[in-house]
């Protein structure tokens, strides 16, 4: 048989062992599902109220974004909680992706697995939060220097849901 030279056209046959695998993989990740953390619509986070009737969601928003007319400085615990949650869930996601690829777990199941881990990080952020500090009057009134913990209802109400985008 003569040797092939540059420019020669050689007959080639390609046999795929798993035709359509890329399309199948893309379908597994093509989802309109997302993981929502905090006080998402459709959870008790949007309806829970303090004994005086104030919605927990309103208190969380006022603390996170600030309420200057009420003397409440912004305390961006949601952004900080998100950073912590991503750091904690990243390795878990990396470990579970092969299960999704293999079809042993759906993307929705993966997100639901990450939810409690992310919520715990947000809750710990609330507990650890200390800047800006409470005023002396607030510390005296509530008996604590932790700016985001009074009754712990805001922390306990924080939750997750896997929902459509």
Protein backbone atom coordinates (compact mmCIF):
# COMPACT_ATOMS: atom_id res chain seq x y z
CA UNK A 1 0.00 0.00 0.00
CA UNK A 2 1.49 3.39 -0.93
CA UNK A 3 2.20 5.92 1.83
CA UNK A 4 -0.12 8.86 2.22
CA UNK A 5 1.30 12.24 1.34
CA UNK A 6 0.29 15.74 2.33
CA UNK A 7 -2.77 16.77 0.37
CA UNK A 8 -3.99 13.22 -0.18
CA UNK A 9 -7.64 12.61 0.61
CA UNK A 10 -8.07 9.47 2.68
CA UNK A 11 -11.35 7.66 3.30
CA UNK A 12 -12.30 7.88 6.95
CA UNK A 13 -15.17 6.29 8.83
CA UNK A 14 -16.18 7.68 12.21
CA UNK A 15 -18.32 5.61 14.51
CA UNK A 16 -19.91 7.36 17.47
CA UNK A 17 -20.32 5.25 20.56
CA UNK A 18 -22.87 7.65 22.03
CA UNK A 19 -24.58 9.68 19.29
CA UNK A 20 -26.56 12.64 20.60
CA UNK A 21 -24.68 12.82 23.91
CA UNK A 22 -23.97 16.53 23.61
CA UNK A 23 -27.61 17.35 22.89
CA UNK A 24 -28.68 15.19 25.85
CA UNK A 25 -26.22 16.96 28.12
CA UNK A 26 -27.39 20.38 26.96
CA UNK A 27 -31.01 19.41 27.70
CA UNK A 28 -30.07 18.53 31.30
CA UNK A 29 -28.74 22.03 31.87
CA UNK A 30 -31.29 23.92 29.83
CA UNK A 31 -33.65 24.73 32.62
CA UNK A 32 -35.68 27.68 33.67
CA UNK A 33 -35.17 26.75 37.33
CA UNK A 34 -33.31 28.93 39.80
CA UNK A 35 -32.50 28.83 43.47
CA UNK A 36 -33.98 31.78 45.37
CA UNK A 37 -32.65 32.51 48.86
CA UNK A 38 -34.03 34.96 51.37
CA UNK A 39 -37.72 35.77 51.59
CA UNK A 40 -38.93 34.62 48.16
CA UNK A 41 -42.51 34.85 46.96
CA UNK A 42 -44.29 31.60 47.58
CA UNK A 43 -42.67 31.00 50.97
CA UNK A 44 -43.52 31.95 54.54
CA UNK A 45 -40.83 34.61 54.21
CA UNK A 46 -43.30 36.90 52.45
CA UNK A 47 -46.16 36.46 54.91
CA UNK A 48 -44.55 36.10 58.35
CA UNK A 49 -45.11 39.06 60.66
CA UNK A 50 -43.80 40.23 63.99
CA UNK A 51 -46.30 40.32 66.88
CA UNK A 52 -46.99 44.00 66.15
CA UNK A 53 -48.00 43.15 62.56
CA UNK A 54 -44.83 44.37 60.85
CA UNK A 55 -43.87 42.05 57.97
CA UNK A 56 -40.49 40.35 58.40
CA UNK A 57 -39.82 41.06 54.71
CA UNK A 58 -40.17 44.81 55.38
CA UNK A 59 -37.74 44.64 58.32
CA UNK A 60 -35.25 42.63 56.25
CA UNK A 61 -35.45 45.09 53.36
CA UNK A 62 -35.16 48.13 55.66
CA UNK A 63 -32.08 46.63 57.30
CA UNK A 64 -30.46 45.50 54.05
CA UNK A 65 -31.04 48.72 52.08
CA UNK A 66 -31.36 51.15 54.96
CA UNK A 67 -34.20 53.44 55.99
CA UNK A 68 -32.61 56.88 56.44
CA UNK A 69 -35.92 58.49 57.46
CA UNK A 70 -36.00 56.08 60.41
CA UNK A 71 -32.29 56.32 61.21
CA UNK A 72 -31.55 52.80 59.95
CA UNK A 73 -28.26 52.53 58.06
CA UNK A 74 -27.87 50.07 55.18
CA UNK A 75 -26.56 46.71 56.33
CA UNK A 76 -26.04 44.68 53.17
CA UNK A 77 -26.36 41.26 54.76
CA UNK A 78 -27.97 39.80 51.62
CA UNK A 79 -24.95 40.58 49.41
CA UNK A 80 -22.56 39.32 52.06
CA UNK A 81 -24.68 36.22 52.59
CA UNK A 82 -24.65 35.55 48.84
CA UNK A 83 -20.85 35.66 48.75
CA UNK A 84 -20.62 33.24 51.67
CA UNK A 85 -23.25 30.95 50.15
CA UNK A 86 -21.43 30.80 46.81
CA UNK A 87 -18.16 29.98 48.55
CA UNK A 88 -19.81 27.15 50.50
CA UNK A 89 -21.95 25.72 47.69
CA UNK A 90 -19.28 25.88 44.96
CA UNK A 91 -17.47 22.70 46.03
CA UNK A 92 -20.78 20.90 46.55
CA UNK A 93 -21.90 21.88 43.07
CA UNK A 94 -18.62 20.65 41.59
CA UNK A 95 -19.05 17.33 43.39
CA UNK A 96 -22.65 16.87 42.22
CA UNK A 97 -22.30 17.94 38.58
CA UNK A 98 -21.11 14.44 37.57
CA UNK A 99 -24.39 13.05 39.00
CA UNK A 100 -26.37 15.47 36.84
CA UNK A 101 -24.24 14.59 33.82
CA UNK A 102 -24.84 10.88 34.44
CA UNK A 103 -28.59 11.39 34.83
CA UNK A 104 -28.57 10.31 38.49
CA UNK A 105 -29.77 13.74 39.63
CA UNK A 106 -31.74 16.53 37.99
CA UNK A 107 -30.61 20.13 37.99
CA UNK A 108 -33.63 20.95 40.15
CA UNK A 109 -32.54 18.32 42.70
CA UNK A 110 -29.05 19.79 42.73
CA UNK A 111 -30.43 23.27 43.40
CA UNK A 112 -32.68 21.94 46.16
CA UNK A 113 -29.66 20.23 47.74
CA UNK A 114 -27.77 23.53 47.74
CA UNK A 115 -30.67 25.49 49.25
CA UNK A 116 -30.28 24.56 52.94
CA UNK A 117 -26.52 25.08 52.76
CA UNK A 118 -26.98 28.53 51.27
CA UNK A 119 -29.68 29.44 53.79
CA UNK A 120 -27.37 28.46 56.66
CA UNK A 121 -24.69 30.79 55.29
CA UNK A 122 -27.16 33.69 55.04
CA UNK A 123 -28.35 33.01 58.59
CA UNK A 124 -24.78 32.95 59.89
CA UNK A 125 -24.14 36.23 58.09
CA UNK A 126 -27.01 37.79 60.02
CA UNK A 127 -25.61 36.47 63.32
CA UNK A 128 -22.06 37.63 62.52
CA UNK A 129 -23.03 41.04 61.13
CA UNK A 130 -21.62 43.93 63.16
CA UNK A 131 -20.99 46.93 60.89
CA UNK A 132 -22.42 49.47 61.12
CA UNK A 133 -22.95 48.88 64.79
CA UNK A 134 -26.13 49.68 66.67
CA UNK A 135 -26.35 53.05 68.32
CA UNK A 136 -26.00 53.16 72.09
CA UNK A 137 -29.74 53.91 72.38
CA UNK A 138 -30.61 50.82 70.30
CA UNK A 139 -28.26 48.62 72.31
CA UNK A 140 -29.90 49.85 75.51
CA UNK A 141 -33.43 49.37 74.13
CA UNK A 142 -32.97 45.85 72.79
CA UNK A 143 -30.24 44.65 75.12
CA UNK A 144 -27.93 43.53 72.32
CA UNK A 145 -25.22 45.02 70.17
CA UNK A 146 -25.96 42.74 67.21
CA UNK A 147 -27.55 45.00 64.59
CA UNK A 148 -29.59 42.29 62.86
CA UNK A 149 -30.66 40.08 65.75
CA UNK A 150 -33.44 41.04 68.10
CA UNK A 151 -36.12 38.34 68.23
CA UNK A 152 -34.34 36.13 65.61
CA UNK A 153 -37.56 35.97 63.57
CA UNK A 154 -35.88 37.56 60.54
CA UNK A 155 -33.17 34.91 60.70
CA UNK A 156 -35.59 32.01 61.26
CA UNK A 157 -37.84 33.12 58.39
CA UNK A 158 -35.01 33.18 55.85
CA UNK A 159 -35.54 30.27 53.46
CA UNK A 160 -35.04 28.96 49.94
CA UNK A 161 -37.16 27.78 47.04
CA UNK A 162 -36.38 26.30 43.63
CA UNK A 163 -38.62 28.13 41.20
CA UNK A 164 -39.04 29.05 37.57
CA UNK A 165 -37.12 32.13 36.45
